[in-house]
């Protein structure tokens, strides 16, 4: 049996989630999503991930439902293909989100390093009159507070994205990491920058006891809310893409209408 036939036999015995995880592992062996895409373009059309998911899911369902009615089998096939499409498209959305956030927020992190350097390199006391120095110290204290708020925002974004992605991976990917090599590299670079900034912030502008009490009281609920909203949006983005590919435009539109109406669409 050739390698291609062995692969086809394997994929027709896997459920939708297992099939997507098999394809994900294959994609993660490449240096980037672009490299993986190039490898697919060079192959026959049936080698495309969504085509493999559709064919493998259908074969698995039909093999497991021999003797059932045609309508029941067709409905089960459609559900399995939809589940497989959603899981694969969720992986793509998670990678796209990681790259987008890492690159955009990475620019903000770089600016925060530059801002910190400017604050540390301000005028010296001997260069100013006593009155000017007093005024400068007030302005500098306010600027440091603003800088720390920006750094705290970067840290919150990092944590929300990490936890939302981990929750979706646990629910839909059997807790398997979803990021491909290039997205993982960009995300790790962004995370290292934010971790370094926050370490500096804790030393340069430590929280007061009042701020610590306020954060411990209110910060947890707000953080949980942001995580759930982010996970819901990422999942719904994948659902919209799935319904579009299945030709179920009314279901995709329903999610968009709920989002525009402030309801957030389906639960994650």
C-alpha atoms as a PDB file:
ATOM      1  CA  UNK A   1       0.000   0.000   0.000  1.00  0.00           C
ATOM      2  CA  UNK A   2       1.427   3.412  -0.985  1.00  0.00           C
ATOM      3  CA  UNK A   3       1.829   6.264   1.505  1.00  0.00           C
ATOM      4  CA  UNK A   4      -1.032   8.158  -0.149  1.00  0.00           C
ATOM      5  CA  UNK A   5      -3.372   5.178   0.158  1.00  0.00           C
ATOM      6  CA  UNK A   6      -2.361   4.589   3.778  1.00  0.00           C
ATOM      7  CA  UNK A   7      -3.092   8.244   4.528  1.00  0.00           C
ATOM      8  CA  UNK A   8      -6.489   8.028   2.818  1.00  0.00           C
ATOM      9  CA  UNK A   9      -7.337   4.867   4.762  1.00  0.00           C
ATOM     10  CA  UNK A  10      -6.385   6.549   8.034  1.00  0.00           C
ATOM     11  CA  UNK A  11      -8.438   9.658   7.344  1.00  0.00           C
ATOM     12  CA  UNK A  12     -11.557   7.683   6.490  1.00  0.00           C
ATOM     13  CA  UNK A  13     -11.441   6.087   9.953  1.00  0.00           C
ATOM     14  CA  UNK A  14     -11.191   9.311  11.966  1.00  0.00           C
ATOM     15  CA  UNK A  15     -13.945  11.480  13.390  1.00  0.00           C
ATOM     16  CA  UNK A  16     -14.095  15.197  12.426  1.00  0.00           C
ATOM     17  CA  UNK A  17     -12.036  16.442  15.390  1.00  0.00           C
ATOM     18  CA  UNK A  18      -9.403  13.705  15.092  1.00  0.00           C
ATOM     19  CA  UNK A  19      -9.152  14.332  11.359  1.00  0.00           C
ATOM     20  CA  UNK A  20      -8.583  18.051  11.882  1.00  0.00           C
ATOM     21  CA  UNK A  21      -5.964  17.323  14.544  1.00  0.00           C
ATOM     22  CA  UNK A  22      -4.214  15.029  12.074  1.00  0.00           C
ATOM     23  CA  UNK A  23      -4.166  17.820   9.472  1.00  0.00           C
ATOM     24  CA  UNK A  24      -3.098  20.353  12.115  1.00  0.00           C
ATOM     25  CA  UNK A  25      -0.102  18.217  13.083  1.00  0.00           C
ATOM     26  CA  UNK A  26       0.819  18.025   9.421  1.00  0.00           C
ATOM     27  CA  UNK A  27       0.570  21.824   9.041  1.00  0.00           C
ATOM     28  CA  UNK A  28       2.623  22.419  12.188  1.00  0.00           C
ATOM     29  CA  UNK A  29       5.542  20.575  10.634  1.00  0.00           C
ATOM     30  CA  UNK A  30       5.971  23.459   8.177  1.00  0.00           C
ATOM     31  CA  UNK A  31       7.818  26.684   9.003  1.00  0.00           C
ATOM     32  CA  UNK A  32       4.795  28.846   8.233  1.00  0.00           C
ATOM     33  CA  UNK A  33       1.203  28.812   7.030  1.00  0.00           C
ATOM     34  CA  UNK A  34       2.463  30.178   3.720  1.00  0.00           C
ATOM     35  CA  UNK A  35       4.807  27.211   3.275  1.00  0.00           C
ATOM     36  CA  UNK A  36       2.004  24.796   4.125  1.00  0.00           C
ATOM     37  CA  UNK A  37      -0.311  26.511   1.641  1.00  0.00           C
ATOM     38  CA  UNK A  38       2.323  26.286  -1.086  1.00  0.00           C
ATOM     39  CA  UNK A  39       2.652  22.555  -0.467  1.00  0.00           C
ATOM     40  CA  UNK A  40      -1.108  22.133  -0.899  1.00  0.00           C
ATOM     41  CA  UNK A  41      -1.248  24.143  -4.113  1.00  0.00           C
ATOM     42  CA  UNK A  42       1.199  21.725  -5.711  1.00  0.00           C
ATOM     43  CA  UNK A  43      -1.086  18.756  -4.956  1.00  0.00           C
ATOM     44  CA  UNK A  44      -4.379  17.560  -6.509  1.00  0.00           C
ATOM     45  CA  UNK A  45      -7.546  19.399  -5.461  1.00  0.00           C
ATOM     46  CA  UNK A  46      -8.703  16.543  -3.259  1.00  0.00           C
ATOM     47  CA  UNK A  47      -5.604  17.071  -1.088  1.00  0.00           C
ATOM     48  CA  UNK A  48      -6.894  20.458   0.115  1.00  0.00           C
ATOM     49  CA  UNK A  49      -7.706  20.337   3.865  1.00  0.00           C
ATOM     50  CA  UNK A  50     -11.432  21.065   3.578  1.00  0.00           C
ATOM     51  CA  UNK A  51     -11.802  18.468   0.829  1.00  0.00           C
ATOM     52  CA  UNK A  52      -9.979  15.905   2.956  1.00  0.00           C
ATOM     53  CA  UNK A  53     -12.160  16.765   5.931  1.00  0.00           C
ATOM     54  CA  UNK A  54     -15.339  16.425   3.886  1.00  0.00           C
ATOM     55  CA  UNK A  55     -14.313  13.115   2.297  1.00  0.00           C
ATOM     56  CA  UNK A  56     -12.951  11.598   5.503  1.00  0.00           C
ATOM     57  CA  UNK A  57     -15.930  12.674   7.631  1.00  0.00           C
ATOM     58  CA  UNK A  58     -18.423  11.310   5.131  1.00  0.00           C
ATOM     59  CA  UNK A  59     -16.617   7.982   4.807  1.00  0.00           C
ATOM     60  CA  UNK A  60     -16.434   7.559   8.586  1.00  0.00           C
ATOM     61  CA  UNK A  61     -20.132   8.318   9.072  1.00  0.00           C
ATOM     62  CA  UNK A  62     -21.293   6.036   6.267  1.00  0.00           C
ATOM     63  CA  UNK A  63     -19.130   3.195   7.550  1.00  0.00           C
ATOM     64  CA  UNK A  64     -20.495   3.567  11.079  1.00  0.00           C
ATOM     65  CA  UNK A  65     -24.163   3.884  10.044  1.00  0.00           C
ATOM     66  CA  UNK A  66     -24.609   0.935   7.703  1.00  0.00           C
ATOM     67  CA  UNK A  67     -28.227  -0.147   7.724  1.00  0.00           C
ATOM     68  CA  UNK A  68     -29.572   3.277   8.809  1.00  0.00           C
ATOM     69  CA  UNK A  69     -31.997   5.211   6.635  1.00  0.00           C
ATOM     70  CA  UNK A  70     -30.634   7.329   3.847  1.00  0.00           C
ATOM     71  CA  UNK A  71     -32.052  10.509   5.381  1.00  0.00           C
ATOM     72  CA  UNK A  72     -30.456   9.754   8.733  1.00  0.00           C
ATOM     73  CA  UNK A  73     -27.097   9.030   7.117  1.00  0.00           C
ATOM     74  CA  UNK A  74     -27.208  12.174   4.962  1.00  0.00           C
ATOM     75  CA  UNK A  75     -28.062  14.310   8.003  1.00  0.00           C
ATOM     76  CA  UNK A  76     -25.227  12.756  10.017  1.00  0.00           C
ATOM     77  CA  UNK A  77     -22.797  13.295   7.147  1.00  0.00           C
ATOM     78  CA  UNK A  78     -23.729  16.947   6.915  1.00  0.00           C
ATOM     79  CA  UNK A  79     -23.303  17.411  10.666  1.00  0.00           C
ATOM     80  CA  UNK A  80     -19.910  15.684  10.646  1.00  0.00           C
ATOM     81  CA  UNK A  81     -18.666  17.739   7.713  1.00  0.00           C
ATOM     82  CA  UNK A  82     -19.907  20.903   9.400  1.00  0.00           C
ATOM     83  CA  UNK A  83     -18.150  19.965  12.629  1.00  0.00           C
ATOM     84  CA  UNK A  84     -14.923  19.248  10.758  1.00  0.00           C
ATOM     85  CA  UNK A  85     -15.104  22.491   8.775  1.00  0.00           C
ATOM     86  CA  UNK A  86     -15.775  24.498  11.939  1.00  0.00           C
ATOM     87  CA  UNK A  87     -12.858  22.943  13.810  1.00  0.00           C
ATOM     88  CA  UNK A  88     -10.421  23.516  10.949  1.00  0.00           C
ATOM     89  CA  UNK A  89     -11.608  27.071  10.324  1.00  0.00           C
ATOM     90  CA  UNK A  90     -11.360  27.769  14.050  1.00  0.00           C
ATOM     91  CA  UNK A  91      -7.691  26.803  13.848  1.00  0.00           C
ATOM     92  CA  UNK A  92      -7.216  29.260  10.989  1.00  0.00           C
ATOM     93  CA  UNK A  93      -8.992  32.045  12.887  1.00  0.00           C
ATOM     94  CA  UNK A  94      -6.934  31.393  16.014  1.00  0.00           C
ATOM     95  CA  UNK A  95      -3.735  31.643  13.994  1.00  0.00           C
ATOM     96  CA  UNK A  96      -4.888  34.775  12.197  1.00  0.00           C
ATOM     97  CA  UNK A  97      -5.879  36.405  15.489  1.00  0.00           C
ATOM     98  CA  UNK A  98      -2.552  35.534  17.129  1.00  0.00           C
ATOM     99  CA  UNK A  99      -0.599  37.028  14.236  1.00  0.00           C
ATOM    100  CA  UNK A 100      -2.747  40.153  14.079  1.00  0.00           C
ATOM    101  CA  UNK A 101      -2.619  40.849  17.813  1.00  0.00           C
ATOM    102  CA  UNK A 102       1.079  40.038  18.127  1.00  0.00           C
ATOM    103  CA  UNK A 103       2.043  42.358  15.283  1.00  0.00           C
ATOM    104  CA  UNK A 104      -0.240  45.260  16.216  1.00  0.00           C
ATOM    105  CA  UNK A 105       0.247  45.101  19.967  1.00  0.00           C
ATOM    106  CA  UNK A 106       3.930  44.356  19.415  1.00  0.00           C
ATOM    107  CA  UNK A 107       4.229  47.823  17.874  1.00  0.00           C
ATOM    108  CA  UNK A 108       2.619  49.294  20.986  1.00  0.00           C
ATOM    109  CA  UNK A 109       5.033  47.338  23.158  1.00  0.00           C
ATOM    110  CA  UNK A 110       7.974  48.709  21.169  1.00  0.00           C
ATOM    111  CA  UNK A 111       6.591  52.223  21.607  1.00  0.00           C
ATOM    112  CA  UNK A 112       6.275  51.585  25.361  1.00  0.00           C
ATOM    113  CA  UNK A 113       9.991  50.733  25.524  1.00  0.00           C
ATOM    114  CA  UNK A 114      10.811  53.980  23.690  1.00  0.00           C
ATOM    115  CA  UNK A 115       8.470  55.953  25.967  1.00  0.00           C
ATOM    116  CA  UNK A 116      10.160  54.457  29.027  1.00  0.00           C
ATOM    117  CA  UNK A 117      13.546  55.527  27.681  1.00  0.00           C
ATOM    118  CA  UNK A 118      12.291  59.077  27.228  1.00  0.00           C
ATOM    119  CA  UNK A 119      10.969  59.184  30.789  1.00  0.00           C
ATOM    120  CA  UNK A 120      14.232  57.853  32.184  1.00  0.00           C
ATOM    121  CA  UNK A 121      16.268  60.296  30.113  1.00  0.00           C
ATOM    122  CA  UNK A 122      14.490  63.495  31.152  1.00  0.00           C
ATOM    123  CA  UNK A 123      16.144  66.611  32.579  1.00  0.00           C
ATOM    124  CA  UNK A 124      18.220  66.397  35.754  1.00  0.00           C
ATOM    125  CA  UNK A 125      17.474  68.364  38.906  1.00  0.00           C
ATOM    126  CA  UNK A 126      20.534  70.560  38.451  1.00  0.00           C
ATOM    127  CA  UNK A 127      19.323  71.602  35.002  1.00  0.00           C
ATOM    128  CA  UNK A 128      16.123  73.209  36.366  1.00  0.00           C
ATOM    129  CA  UNK A 129      15.137  75.798  38.944  1.00  0.00           C
ATOM    130  CA  UNK A 130      13.533  74.449  42.153  1.00  0.00           C
ATOM    131  CA  UNK A 131      10.091  75.501  40.934  1.00  0.00           C
ATOM    132  CA  UNK A 132      10.617  73.958  37.513  1.00  0.00           C
ATOM    133  CA  UNK A 133      11.943  70.779  39.070  1.00  0.00           C
ATOM    134  CA  UNK A 134       8.906  70.450  41.343  1.00  0.00           C
ATOM    135  CA  UNK A 135       6.590  70.908  38.380  1.00  0.00           C
ATOM    136  CA  UNK A 136       8.602  68.471  36.301  1.00  0.00           C
ATOM    137  CA  UNK A 137       8.404  65.813  39.023  1.00  0.00           C
ATOM    138  CA  UNK A 138       4.611  66.132  39.113  1.00  0.00           C
ATOM    139  CA  UNK A 139       4.355  65.820  35.350  1.00  0.00           C
ATOM    140  CA  UNK A 140       6.780  62.928  35.327  1.00  0.00           C
ATOM    141  CA  UNK A 141       4.820  61.061  38.012  1.00  0.00           C
ATOM    142  CA  UNK A 142       1.652  61.448  35.930  1.00  0.00           C
ATOM    143  CA  UNK A 143       3.492  60.289  32.810  1.00  0.00           C
ATOM    144  CA  UNK A 144       4.815  57.199  34.595  1.00  0.00           C
ATOM    145  CA  UNK A 145       1.281  56.342  35.712  1.00  0.00           C
ATOM    146  CA  UNK A 146       0.078  56.647  32.110  1.00  0.00           C
ATOM    147  CA  UNK A 147       2.967  54.492  30.915  1.00  0.00           C
ATOM    148  CA  UNK A 148       2.176  51.792  33.456  1.00  0.00           C
ATOM    149  CA  UNK A 149      -1.492  51.840  32.389  1.00  0.00           C
ATOM    150  CA  UNK A 150      -0.430  51.182  28.800  1.00  0.00           C
ATOM    151  CA  UNK A 151       1.827  48.316  29.908  1.00  0.00           C
ATOM    152  CA  UNK A 152      -0.981  46.881  32.059  1.00  0.00           C
ATOM    153  CA  UNK A 153      -3.258  47.050  29.014  1.00  0.00           C
ATOM    154  CA  UNK A 154      -0.729  45.094  26.970  1.00  0.00           C
ATOM    155  CA  UNK A 155      -0.465  42.477  29.713  1.00  0.00           C
ATOM    156  CA  UNK A 156      -4.249  42.171  29.923  1.00  0.00           C
ATOM    157  CA  UNK A 157      -4.488  41.710  26.159  1.00  0.00           C
ATOM    158  CA  UNK A 158      -1.806  39.014  26.257  1.00  0.00           C
ATOM    159  CA  UNK A 159      -3.549  37.142  29.065  1.00  0.00           C
ATOM    160  CA  UNK A 160      -7.030  37.414  27.542  1.00  0.00           C
ATOM    161  CA  UNK A 161      -5.827  36.113  24.178  1.00  0.00           C
ATOM    162  CA  UNK A 162      -3.874  33.264  25.779  1.00  0.00           C
ATOM    163  CA  UNK A 163      -6.722  32.088  27.995  1.00  0.00           C
ATOM    164  CA  UNK A 164      -9.444  32.500  25.346  1.00  0.00           C
ATOM    165  CA  UNK A 165      -7.377  30.461  22.890  1.00  0.00           C
ATOM    166  CA  UNK A 166      -6.648  27.797  25.513  1.00  0.00           C
ATOM    167  CA  UNK A 167     -10.359  27.508  26.342  1.00  0.00           C
ATOM    168  CA  UNK A 168     -11.259  27.016  22.689  1.00  0.00           C
ATOM    169  CA  UNK A 169      -8.458  24.491  22.224  1.00  0.00           C
ATOM    170  CA  UNK A 170      -9.692  22.561  25.271  1.00  0.00           C
ATOM    171  CA  UNK A 171     -13.278  22.553  24.014  1.00  0.00           C
ATOM    172  CA  UNK A 172     -12.792  21.880  20.315  1.00  0.00           C
ATOM    173  CA  UNK A 173      -9.242  20.541  19.809  1.00  0.00           C
ATOM    174  CA  UNK A 174      -8.811  18.073  22.674  1.00  0.00           C
ATOM    175  CA  UNK A 175      -6.510  20.676  24.290  1.00  0.00           C
ATOM    176  CA  UNK A 176      -4.034  20.478  21.403  1.00  0.00           C
ATOM    177  CA  UNK A 177      -2.136  23.755  20.714  1.00  0.00           C
ATOM    178  CA  UNK A 178      -3.536  25.416  17.618  1.00  0.00           C
ATOM    179  CA  UNK A 179      -0.772  27.788  16.544  1.00  0.00           C
ATOM    180  CA  UNK A 180       1.359  27.010  13.528  1.00  0.00           C
ATOM    181  CA  UNK A 181       5.091  27.697  13.619  1.00  0.00           C
ATOM    182  CA  UNK A 182       5.038  31.294  12.335  1.00  0.00           C
ATOM    183  CA  UNK A 183       2.129  32.367  14.552  1.00  0.00           C
ATOM    184  CA  UNK A 184       3.751  30.712  17.576  1.00  0.00           C
ATOM    185  CA  UNK A 185       7.037  32.547  16.919  1.00  0.00           C
ATOM    186  CA  UNK A 186       5.317  35.932  16.608  1.00  0.00           C
ATOM    187  CA  UNK A 187       3.210  35.300  19.695  1.00  0.00           C
ATOM    188  CA  UNK A 188       6.181  34.219  21.806  1.00  0.00           C
ATOM    189  CA  UNK A 189       8.115  37.319  20.745  1.00  0.00           C
ATOM    190  CA  UNK A 190       5.191  39.553  21.729  1.00  0.00           C
ATOM    191  CA  UNK A 191       4.759  37.714  25.041  1.00  0.00           C
ATOM    192  CA  UNK A 192       8.456  38.134  25.877  1.00  0.00           C
ATOM    193  CA  UNK A 193       8.245  41.891  25.229  1.00  0.00           C
ATOM    194  CA  UNK A 194       5.171  42.290  27.431  1.00  0.00           C
ATOM    195  CA  UNK A 195       6.621  40.160  30.234  1.00  0.00           C
ATOM    196  CA  UNK A 196       9.772  42.284  30.200  1.00  0.00           C
ATOM    197  CA  UNK A 197       7.780  45.514  30.222  1.00  0.00           C
ATOM    198  CA  UNK A 198       5.606  44.394  33.116  1.00  0.00           C
ATOM    199  CA  UNK A 199       8.643  43.301  35.108  1.00  0.00           C
ATOM    200  CA  UNK A 200      10.080  46.786  34.631  1.00  0.00           C
ATOM    201  CA  UNK A 201       6.759  48.412  35.473  1.00  0.00           C
ATOM    202  CA  UNK A 202       6.573  46.581  38.792  1.00  0.00           C
ATOM    203  CA  UNK A 203       9.997  47.954  39.686  1.00  0.00           C
ATOM    204  CA  UNK A 204       9.646  51.488  38.300  1.00  0.00           C
ATOM    205  CA  UNK A 205       6.005  52.212  39.183  1.00  0.00           C
ATOM    206  CA  UNK A 206       4.831  49.798  41.887  1.00  0.00           C
ATOM    207  CA  UNK A 207       1.133  49.609  42.679  1.00  0.00           C
ATOM    208  CA  UNK A 208      -0.123  51.361  45.778  1.00  0.00           C
ATOM    209  CA  UNK A 209      -2.054  49.337  48.355  1.00  0.00           C
ATOM    210  CA  UNK A 210      -5.264  51.091  47.317  1.00  0.00           C
ATOM    211  CA  UNK A 211      -4.696  50.105  43.694  1.00  0.00           C
ATOM    212  CA  UNK A 212      -3.969  46.504  44.675  1.00  0.00           C
ATOM    213  CA  UNK A 213      -7.223  46.311  46.673  1.00  0.00           C
ATOM    214  CA  UNK A 214      -9.217  47.780  43.805  1.00  0.00           C
ATOM    215  CA  UNK A 215      -7.729  45.380  41.277  1.00  0.00           C
ATOM    216  CA  UNK A 216      -8.299  42.348  43.468  1.00  0.00           C
ATOM    217  CA  UNK A 217     -11.919  43.392  43.984  1.00  0.00           C
ATOM    218  CA  UNK A 218     -12.953  44.398  40.449  1.00  0.00           C
ATOM    219  CA  UNK A 219     -10.236  43.119  38.121  1.00  0.00           C
ATOM    220  CA  UNK A 220     -11.159  39.434  38.257  1.00  0.00           C
ATOM    221  CA  UNK A 221     -14.721  39.852  37.008  1.00  0.00           C
ATOM    222  CA  UNK A 222     -13.704  42.212  34.237  1.00  0.00           C
ATOM    223  CA  UNK A 223     -10.947  39.860  33.145  1.00  0.00           C
ATOM    224  CA  UNK A 224     -13.311  36.881  33.029  1.00  0.00           C
ATOM    225  CA  UNK A 225     -15.815  38.900  31.009  1.00  0.00           C
ATOM    226  CA  UNK A 226     -13.171  39.870  28.459  1.00  0.00           C
ATOM    227  CA  UNK A 227     -11.978  36.267  28.115  1.00  0.00           C
ATOM    228  CA  UNK A 228     -15.502  34.995  27.488  1.00  0.00           C
ATOM    229  CA  UNK A 229     -16.258  37.749  24.976  1.00  0.00           C
ATOM    230  CA  UNK A 230     -13.045  37.061  23.092  1.00  0.00           C
ATOM    231  CA  UNK A 231     -13.603  33.292  23.001  1.00  0.00           C
ATOM    232  CA  UNK A 232     -17.176  33.851  21.819  1.00  0.00           C
ATOM    233  CA  UNK A 233     -16.071  36.163  19.013  1.00  0.00           C
ATOM    234  CA  UNK A 234     -13.367  33.803  17.765  1.00  0.00           C
ATOM    235  CA  UNK A 235     -15.745  30.844  17.807  1.00  0.00           C
ATOM    236  CA  UNK A 236     -18.456  32.807  16.039  1.00  0.00           C
ATOM    237  CA  UNK A 237     -16.019  34.012  13.387  1.00  0.00           C
ATOM    238  CA  UNK A 238     -15.283  30.348  12.659  1.00  0.00           C
ATOM    239  CA  UNK A 239     -19.009  29.543  12.629  1.00  0.00           C
ATOM    240  CA  UNK A 240     -19.690  32.310  10.135  1.00  0.00           C
ATOM    241  CA  UNK A 241     -16.944  30.991   7.853  1.00  0.00           C
ATOM    242  CA  UNK A 242     -18.325  27.456   8.226  1.00  0.00           C
ATOM    243  CA  UNK A 243     -21.911  28.392   7.375  1.00  0.00           C
ATOM    244  CA  UNK A 244     -20.642  30.373   4.391  1.00  0.00           C
ATOM    245  CA  UNK A 245     -18.821  27.316   3.006  1.00  0.00           C
ATOM    246  CA  UNK A 246     -21.835  25.086   3.647  1.00  0.00           C
ATOM    247  CA  UNK A 247     -24.121  27.528   1.838  1.00  0.00           C
ATOM    248  CA  UNK A 248     -26.098  28.230   5.021  1.00  0.00           C
ATOM    249  CA  UNK A 249     -25.958  31.997   4.657  1.00  0.00           C
ATOM    250  CA  UNK A 250     -29.022  32.625   6.810  1.00  0.00           C
ATOM    251  CA  UNK A 251     -27.301  31.061   9.833  1.00  0.00           C
ATOM    252  CA  UNK A 252     -24.173  33.154   9.263  1.00  0.00           C
ATOM    253  CA  UNK A 253     -26.319  36.261   8.936  1.00  0.00           C
ATOM    254  CA  UNK A 254     -28.130  35.440  12.182  1.00  0.00           C
ATOM    255  CA  UNK A 255     -24.831  35.497  14.093  1.00  0.00           C
ATOM    256  CA  UNK A 256     -23.859  38.806  12.501  1.00  0.00           C
ATOM    257  CA  UNK A 257     -27.244  40.313  13.350  1.00  0.00           C
ATOM    258  CA  UNK A 258     -26.939  39.235  16.984  1.00  0.00           C
ATOM    259  CA  UNK A 259     -23.421  40.673  17.098  1.00  0.00           C
ATOM    260  CA  UNK A 260     -24.563  43.991  15.674  1.00  0.00           C
ATOM    261  CA  UNK A 261     -27.449  43.981  18.131  1.00  0.00           C
ATOM    262  CA  UNK A 262     -25.023  43.579  21.020  1.00  0.00           C
ATOM    263  CA  UNK A 263     -26.024  40.018  21.902  1.00  0.00           C
ATOM    264  CA  UNK A 264     -22.655  38.533  20.942  1.00  0.00           C
ATOM    265  CA  UNK A 265     -24.012  35.669  18.834  1.00  0.00           C
ATOM    266  CA  UNK A 266     -23.913  32.053  19.997  1.00  0.00           C
ATOM    267  CA  UNK A 267     -22.067  31.022  23.118  1.00  0.00           C
ATOM    268  CA  UNK A 268     -18.471  29.930  22.604  1.00  0.00           C
END
